[in-house]
Amino acid sequence: MSSLTTYNALGEIAAAEFADIVVSAQVLCLPTGDPLKLRLDLVDHSLLDVFLSSSGRYSYHWERRLIAAGDLYRHDNAPHDWWRHVATFPRHFHDGSEGNVVESHLDPNPEHAIRQVLTFVRQKLTT
């Protein structure tokens, strides 16, 4: 699992630099108290969940299915065989749906990656 410090730092970046689209940032924890993920509530009532593991696995998952007819956007590096054709495998991006998968050029640094993802969200919300 990623450390609470990392999630808190990402939440602070989101709240400070993207206050126009981020309503709140909260670290969700397991019953043991260990951090599970960072949840960002956005101005359009959608959610962005950030999951980082100590093994290097990650997911930046923006869920809009309840408000925008199935929109789902996710950068992750789960090595699913069905995405092996993607040039950046195992890194890939679900662009609008689970099945529409393209290359992901997300920065490996979580602080840079959260900025990339939230910049993408901001652009989608204003178009």
Protein backbone atom coordinates (compact mmCIF):
# COMPACT_ATOMS: atom_id res chain seq x y z
CA MET A 1 0.00 0.00 0.00
CA SER A 2 1.02 3.56 -0.54
CA SER A 3 1.72 5.66 2.48
CA LEU A 4 -0.74 8.02 4.05
CA THR A 5 1.81 10.80 3.48
CA THR A 6 1.74 10.22 -0.29
CA TYR A 7 -2.06 10.26 -0.47
CA ASN A 8 -2.21 13.38 1.70
CA ALA A 9 0.31 15.14 -0.55
CA LEU A 10 -1.70 14.25 -3.66
CA GLY A 11 -4.89 15.44 -1.97
CA GLU A 12 -3.23 18.75 -1.13
CA ILE A 13 -2.11 19.21 -4.75
CA ALA A 14 -5.63 18.46 -5.96
CA ALA A 15 -7.30 20.83 -3.50
CA ALA A 16 -4.82 23.68 -3.99
CA GLU A 17 -4.12 23.57 -7.71
CA PHE A 18 -7.47 22.31 -8.95
CA ALA A 19 -9.87 24.02 -6.53
CA ASP A 20 -12.08 24.96 -9.47
CA ILE A 21 -12.97 21.29 -10.05
CA VAL A 22 -12.13 19.46 -6.78
CA VAL A 23 -14.73 19.79 -4.04
CA SER A 24 -12.99 17.57 -1.49
CA ALA A 25 -10.13 15.13 -1.06
CA GLN A 26 -10.29 12.24 1.38
CA VAL A 27 -7.99 9.31 2.09
CA LEU A 28 -10.07 6.15 2.46
CA CYS A 29 -8.62 3.56 4.80
CA LEU A 30 -8.99 -0.16 5.41
CA PRO A 31 -10.45 -1.34 8.75
CA THR A 32 -6.84 -1.79 9.89
CA GLY A 33 -6.27 1.93 9.42
CA ASP A 34 -3.95 1.43 6.45
CA PRO A 35 -4.65 3.81 3.55
CA LEU A 36 -6.49 2.24 0.62
CA LYS A 37 -6.89 5.13 -1.84
CA LEU A 38 -7.43 8.83 -2.30
CA ARG A 39 -10.95 9.87 -3.27
CA LEU A 40 -11.60 13.21 -4.92
CA ASP A 41 -15.15 14.53 -5.16
CA LEU A 42 -15.52 16.71 -8.23
CA VAL A 43 -17.79 19.65 -9.04
CA ASP A 44 -19.93 17.57 -11.43
CA HIS A 45 -20.69 15.07 -8.60
CA SER A 46 -18.35 12.46 -10.09
CA LEU A 47 -15.50 10.72 -8.28
CA LEU A 48 -11.82 10.29 -9.01
CA ASP A 49 -10.10 7.50 -7.08
CA VAL A 50 -6.32 7.19 -6.92
CA PHE A 51 -4.82 3.86 -5.89
CA LEU A 52 -1.07 3.39 -5.49
CA SER A 53 0.66 0.29 -4.19
CA SER A 54 4.15 -0.28 -2.85
CA SER A 55 4.64 -2.83 -5.64
CA GLY A 56 4.24 -0.12 -8.28
CA ARG A 57 0.66 -0.86 -9.32
CA TYR A 58 -1.56 2.18 -9.80
CA SER A 59 -4.97 3.29 -10.95
CA TYR A 60 -6.33 6.80 -11.55
CA HIS A 61 -10.02 6.08 -12.03
CA TRP A 62 -12.54 8.82 -12.92
CA GLU A 63 -16.06 7.45 -12.65
CA ARG A 64 -18.86 9.36 -14.38
CA ARG A 65 -21.30 6.53 -15.11
CA LEU A 66 -24.01 7.88 -12.83
CA ILE A 67 -24.07 11.31 -14.45
CA ALA A 68 -22.78 10.98 -18.00
CA ALA A 69 -24.12 7.87 -19.72
CA GLY A 70 -21.25 5.50 -19.06
CA ASP A 71 -18.21 7.75 -19.05
CA LEU A 72 -15.27 6.11 -17.37
CA TYR A 73 -11.63 7.14 -17.64
CA ARG A 74 -8.78 5.19 -16.05
CA HIS A 75 -5.03 5.09 -16.31
CA ASP A 76 -3.69 1.86 -14.82
CA ASN A 77 -0.97 -0.71 -15.19
CA ALA A 78 -2.81 -3.95 -14.51
CA PRO A 79 -1.16 -6.46 -16.88
CA HIS A 80 -4.34 -7.89 -18.41
CA ASP A 81 -3.55 -10.05 -21.45
CA TRP A 82 -6.36 -8.52 -23.50
CA TRP A 83 -4.50 -5.16 -23.53
CA ARG A 84 -1.17 -6.70 -24.59
CA HIS A 85 -1.54 -5.08 -28.04
CA VAL A 86 -1.30 -1.59 -26.52
CA ALA A 87 2.18 -0.19 -27.22
CA THR A 88 2.68 1.02 -23.63
CA PHE A 89 1.55 -2.31 -22.07
CA PRO A 90 1.01 -2.88 -19.21
CA ARG A 91 0.32 0.87 -18.88
CA HIS A 92 -2.95 1.74 -20.60
CA PHE A 93 -5.83 4.22 -20.58
CA HIS A 94 -9.54 3.40 -20.61
CA ASP A 95 -10.84 6.32 -22.67
CA GLY A 96 -14.54 6.74 -21.99
CA SER A 97 -15.34 3.06 -21.34
CA GLU A 98 -13.82 -0.20 -20.09
CA GLY A 99 -13.42 -1.51 -23.63
CA ASN A 100 -11.92 1.54 -25.34
CA VAL A 101 -8.27 1.16 -24.38
CA VAL A 102 -5.36 3.19 -25.75
CA GLU A 103 -1.76 3.97 -24.83
CA SER A 104 -1.05 5.70 -21.53
CA HIS A 105 1.74 8.23 -21.24
CA LEU A 106 1.07 9.04 -17.61
CA ASP A 107 4.13 10.26 -15.72
CA PRO A 108 5.43 7.65 -13.24
CA ASN A 109 5.78 10.32 -10.54
CA PRO A 110 2.44 10.41 -8.65
CA GLU A 111 2.63 14.18 -8.10
CA HIS A 112 3.07 14.77 -11.82
CA ALA A 113 0.50 12.11 -12.70
CA ILE A 114 -2.24 13.63 -10.51
CA ARG A 115 -1.66 16.95 -12.26
CA GLN A 116 -1.91 15.29 -15.69
CA VAL A 117 -5.12 13.48 -14.75
CA LEU A 118 -6.76 16.53 -13.20
CA THR A 119 -5.78 18.68 -16.17
CA PHE A 120 -7.54 16.10 -18.38
CA VAL A 121 -10.60 16.19 -16.08
CA ARG A 122 -10.67 19.99 -16.14
CA GLN A 123 -10.58 19.97 -19.96
CA LYS A 124 -13.39 17.42 -20.16
CA LEU A 125 -15.55 19.38 -17.72
CA THR A 126 -15.18 22.64 -19.64
CA THR A 127 -15.86 21.30 -23.14
